[in-house]
Amino acid sequence: MKSTLMRLGAVWGLGLLLIVLLITFSVLLPDTFPTAFTFSSLASSRSIYAMAALAVMIPLIANQFDLSVAGVIGLSQILAIGLQTQSGISWPTTCAIVLAIGMCVGAVNAWLVAYVRIHSFVATLGVGSVLIGLLQWYTQGRQVVGDLPEAYIALASRLPGTLIPMPMIYALVLALILWIIFEYSPFGRHLYVIGDNPRAAQLNGIPEQRYTAYAFIAAGFVAALTGIILQAQLRIGQSTVGQEFLLPAFSAALLGATTIKPGRVNVWGTMIAVAVLAVTVGGLNQLGAPFFVEPLFNGLMLTIAVGLSVTAARRREAAVTEK
């Protein structure tokens, strides 16, 4: 009985924490927190963080870090408005170009990590820094402004007749697609094997370099998509946007590894972690917490998430060994 409760706590603990947080803030802030407006506001803003978390999650499954995700998001949101307003390119073509650039960045990361054998932390940090430099060069440190087409702005609007923001729909659809891929396709299973035990993957004939490359390219695509949706929300290009998504994204992805499948980075664990972070930050803000609480909280959660995920991974390995 005790072991069953511990297992259930490990699997669903983060989900239970989310419920407790919702109840707590609803009791403390009955007039402002449990409202449709608060839900819509949090869902709209935090869906971008959810998409960024899914982007960093993909290489993490293969035990690789992609620190360039923030740079891709920043550059993508700038290009999404710049190509339309300054170069006169239609919004569908602009989106295609931005997505292609994101995949190209992922391909560069893949080449550096999988084939040149540079550690992913160093390689993607360098690539991300280059992207920030390109962003600053393109904008000259200034904002990019202009009139965007209504059809493009509608990408970040609400579902017609509801308060449900479209970015939330994109995040959930993206999560569903990734869940199907990682749970039911050979690619997903092989990527997990590579992340768990590269030697075992090699012995089983799994092409580690190729699958790692696919993971980085997919991460670049998702990060570029995130930048496109972000620009539809902002409607103005800001050269400083992008880096603030990196810490929350990794916090959510690693914290998500402590639930659903403890010890393994997984899609729904990541989404629950995003919800926990969103509810906590939103509730604290409504309670009047100072502006610096959010980065402090995100940094603390990242540290805790790494510790918990490593502990869960060791327990899972020990359980496998005992069998």
Foldseek 3Di string as FASTA:
>chain_A
DVVVVVVCCQACVLVVLLVVLLVVLCVVCVPPCPDLVNVLVLLLVLLLLLLLLVLQLLLVLLVAGALLLLLLLQLLLQQQQCCCFPVVDANVVSLVVSLVVLLVLLLQLLCCCLPVNDGRVVSNVVSNVVSLVVLCVVQVQDKAADDDDPVLLQCQAADPPGSHTNSSVVSVVVLVVVQCCLPPHPLNVLSNCSNLPVVVSVVVVNPSSVSSSVSSSVSSNSSSVSSSNVSSVVNMRGSPGRNVSSLSSLLLQLLLCSHNPQLGRGRVSSVSSSSSLSSVVSSCVVVPHDPCVSVVVSVVSNVVSNVRNVVRNVVVVVVVVVD
